[in-house]
Amino acid sequence: MARAIPETHGEILAAAGRRFAVTGYKGTSLQDIAREVGCSKATVLYHFANKEALLCELMAPAIALLEALDTRIAGCTPADAQRVAAEGFVDLAVRFRREIALLRGEFPDLLQQPAFAHIQQISEHLVAAFAGHSDRPAARIAALVVLAGIAETCGEFLDIPDDELRPALLAVAHRALEPTT
């Protein structure tokens, strides 16, 4: 007996997220996603123009909050920007840690795609805010290490409860970042 064809948008999106988490974005084909859902590749393409469209929809909520954080930081003094950036990015990374996990190791390649090109500029704004807008190399290095470390940690420790992970990340960030004046 043939399997019923689940042709819903949400099922395809969920399957794509699972496949990306297991084999990575580049290692997953539309056919892989269709096979997991139990539908044809044409059905997947009916719901999504291409694999990038799937990834864009999976990442849209996280990107929207990242853009909002960037806007909030832009209106802050250097001292406030560091605090707002640290708290905001930790909150975002903890909330979307499963999405971070599925992109681990592929982030630089994804930034080359037109739909994600603006993320590089936001990342640069975050590094500047984490550094307290200092030009000192030590401040900028610490800022990048903390920013990358937060993302990597959230992608790695999916089993740690949010209420334990968030304060631990903030404590590390505050210890590692140079204080602003």
Protein backbone atom coordinates (compact mmCIF):
# COMPACT_ATOMS: atom_id res chain seq x y z
CA MET A 1 0.00 0.00 0.00
CA ALA A 2 1.35 3.42 -0.95
CA ARG A 3 2.10 5.87 1.80
CA ALA A 4 -0.24 8.87 2.08
CA ILE A 5 1.45 11.94 0.64
CA PRO A 6 1.90 14.63 3.29
CA GLU A 7 2.07 17.71 1.11
CA THR A 8 1.97 20.40 3.70
CA HIS A 9 4.34 23.27 3.79
CA GLY A 10 5.09 22.75 7.48
CA GLU A 11 5.97 19.07 7.11
CA ILE A 12 8.43 19.87 4.33
CA LEU A 13 9.95 22.66 6.39
CA ALA A 14 10.33 20.41 9.44
CA ALA A 15 11.91 17.65 7.34
CA ALA A 16 14.35 20.15 5.84
CA GLY A 17 15.38 21.28 9.32
CA ARG A 18 15.99 17.68 10.39
CA ARG A 19 17.97 16.87 7.22
CA PHE A 20 20.06 20.04 7.47
CA ALA A 21 20.86 19.16 11.10
CA VAL A 22 22.00 15.64 10.15
CA THR A 23 23.83 16.16 6.86
CA GLY A 24 24.25 19.93 6.67
CA TYR A 25 22.78 22.39 4.22
CA LYS A 26 25.20 21.55 1.43
CA GLY A 27 24.90 17.81 2.09
CA THR A 28 21.11 17.81 1.80
CA SER A 29 19.31 17.64 -1.52
CA LEU A 30 15.70 18.45 -2.26
CA GLN A 31 15.29 14.77 -3.07
CA ASP A 32 16.52 13.88 0.44
CA ILE A 33 13.90 16.18 1.92
CA ALA A 34 11.16 14.77 -0.32
CA ARG A 35 12.14 11.22 0.62
CA GLU A 36 11.92 12.02 4.33
CA VAL A 37 8.49 13.62 3.93
CA GLY A 38 7.27 10.85 1.63
CA CYS A 39 6.50 13.04 -1.34
CA SER A 40 8.06 13.90 -4.68
CA LYS A 41 10.73 16.50 -5.31
CA ALA A 42 8.13 18.28 -7.44
CA THR A 43 5.91 18.62 -4.36
CA VAL A 44 8.77 20.18 -2.44
CA LEU A 45 9.34 22.59 -5.33
CA TYR A 46 5.63 23.42 -5.37
CA HIS A 47 5.95 24.72 -1.81
CA PHE A 48 9.48 26.18 -2.03
CA ALA A 49 11.25 27.63 -5.07
CA ASN A 50 14.55 25.98 -4.13
CA LYS A 51 16.65 24.77 -1.21
CA GLU A 52 17.70 28.33 -0.33
CA ALA A 53 14.02 29.29 0.05
CA LEU A 54 13.61 26.45 2.56
CA LEU A 55 16.60 27.64 4.55
CA CYS A 56 15.41 31.25 4.41
CA GLU A 57 12.04 30.31 5.85
CA LEU A 58 13.65 28.17 8.55
CA MET A 59 15.92 31.03 9.56
CA ALA A 60 13.46 33.94 9.08
CA PRO A 61 12.39 34.28 12.74
CA ALA A 62 16.00 34.30 13.99
CA ILE A 63 17.08 36.74 11.29
CA ALA A 64 14.19 39.09 12.07
CA LEU A 65 15.24 39.22 15.73
CA LEU A 66 18.90 39.67 14.75
CA GLU A 67 17.91 42.63 12.57
CA ALA A 68 15.87 44.10 15.43
CA LEU A 69 18.86 43.71 17.77
CA ASP A 70 21.05 45.50 15.22
CA THR A 71 18.57 48.39 15.12
CA ARG A 72 18.46 48.59 18.95
CA ILE A 73 22.26 48.62 19.17
CA ALA A 74 22.56 51.40 16.58
CA GLY A 75 20.79 53.83 18.90
CA CYS A 76 22.92 53.08 21.97
CA THR A 77 25.95 54.71 23.55
CA PRO A 78 29.09 52.50 23.45
CA ALA A 79 28.60 51.37 27.06
CA ASP A 80 24.93 50.58 26.52
CA ALA A 81 25.64 48.98 23.13
CA GLN A 82 27.94 46.42 24.73
CA ARG A 83 25.33 45.43 27.33
CA VAL A 84 22.42 45.43 24.85
CA ALA A 85 24.45 43.42 22.33
CA ALA A 86 25.57 40.84 24.88
CA GLU A 87 22.15 40.34 26.44
CA GLY A 88 20.32 40.47 23.11
CA PHE A 89 22.65 38.09 21.29
CA VAL A 90 22.68 35.61 24.18
CA ASP A 91 18.88 35.66 24.27
CA LEU A 92 18.69 35.16 20.51
CA ALA A 93 21.32 32.40 20.45
CA VAL A 94 19.67 30.51 23.31
CA ARG A 95 16.23 30.80 21.73
CA PHE A 96 17.39 29.67 18.29
CA ARG A 97 20.11 27.23 19.27
CA ARG A 98 18.66 24.40 17.16
CA GLU A 99 18.86 26.62 14.08
CA ILE A 100 22.44 27.54 15.03
CA ALA A 101 23.27 23.86 15.40
CA LEU A 102 22.06 23.03 11.91
CA LEU A 103 24.28 25.72 10.39
CA ARG A 104 27.47 24.91 12.29
CA GLY A 105 30.43 24.74 9.97
CA GLU A 106 28.50 26.16 7.03
CA PHE A 107 27.98 29.73 8.16
CA PRO A 108 30.76 31.32 6.03
CA ASP A 109 29.43 29.65 2.88
CA LEU A 110 25.86 30.69 3.65
CA LEU A 111 26.89 34.32 3.97
CA GLN A 112 27.83 34.18 0.29
CA GLN A 113 24.19 33.55 -0.65
CA PRO A 114 22.26 36.71 -1.55
CA ALA A 115 19.50 36.08 1.00
CA PHE A 116 22.03 36.06 3.85
CA ALA A 117 24.59 38.62 2.64
CA HIS A 118 23.38 41.33 5.05
CA ILE A 119 24.11 39.07 8.04
CA GLN A 120 27.83 39.75 7.62
CA GLN A 121 27.26 43.47 8.16
CA ILE A 122 25.11 42.76 11.24
CA SER A 123 27.87 40.49 12.57
CA GLU A 124 30.36 43.33 12.16
CA HIS A 125 28.02 45.66 14.06
CA LEU A 126 27.75 43.08 16.85
CA VAL A 127 31.53 42.75 17.10
CA ALA A 128 31.86 46.53 17.31
CA ALA A 129 29.19 46.71 20.02
CA PHE A 130 30.72 43.82 21.98
CA ALA A 131 34.04 45.72 21.80
CA GLY A 132 32.37 48.86 23.15
CA HIS A 133 33.13 50.52 19.80
CA SER A 134 36.81 50.45 20.72
CA ASP A 135 39.49 50.30 18.02
CA ARG A 136 41.86 48.52 20.39
CA PRO A 137 42.82 45.14 18.90
CA ALA A 138 42.42 43.37 22.26
CA ALA A 139 38.83 44.64 22.59
CA ARG A 140 37.95 43.61 19.04
CA ILE A 141 39.56 40.17 19.44
CA ALA A 142 37.72 39.56 22.71
CA ALA A 143 34.47 40.69 21.10
CA LEU A 144 34.81 38.26 18.19
CA VAL A 145 35.82 35.38 20.45
CA VAL A 146 32.82 36.00 22.72
CA LEU A 147 30.37 36.39 19.82
CA ALA A 148 31.57 33.22 18.10
CA GLY A 149 31.80 31.38 21.40
CA ILE A 150 28.20 32.18 22.31
CA ALA A 151 26.95 30.83 18.98
CA GLU A 152 29.15 27.74 19.11
CA THR A 153 28.19 26.99 22.70
CA CYS A 154 24.48 27.30 21.98
CA GLY A 155 24.80 24.99 18.99
CA GLU A 156 26.77 22.44 21.01
CA PHE A 157 24.88 22.28 24.30
CA LEU A 158 21.32 21.64 23.22
CA ASP A 159 20.69 19.67 26.41
CA ILE A 160 21.39 22.48 28.91
CA PRO A 161 18.20 24.26 30.04
CA ASP A 162 17.80 27.86 28.90
CA ASP A 163 17.65 29.15 32.48
CA GLU A 164 21.13 27.69 33.13
CA LEU A 165 22.69 28.46 29.75
CA ARG A 166 21.75 32.15 29.56
CA PRO A 167 23.35 33.31 32.85
CA ALA A 168 26.45 31.19 32.22
CA LEU A 169 26.95 32.76 28.78
CA LEU A 170 26.40 36.27 30.11
CA ALA A 171 28.87 35.71 32.94
CA VAL A 172 31.55 34.53 30.50
CA ALA A 173 30.84 37.46 28.18
CA HIS A 174 31.13 39.99 31.00
CA ARG A 175 34.42 38.47 32.18
CA ALA A 176 35.93 38.32 28.69
CA LEU A 177 34.87 41.70 27.31
CA GLU A 178 36.78 44.88 28.08
CA PRO A 179 34.63 47.24 30.17
CA THR A 180 33.48 50.37 28.40
CA THR A 181 33.73 53.80 29.94
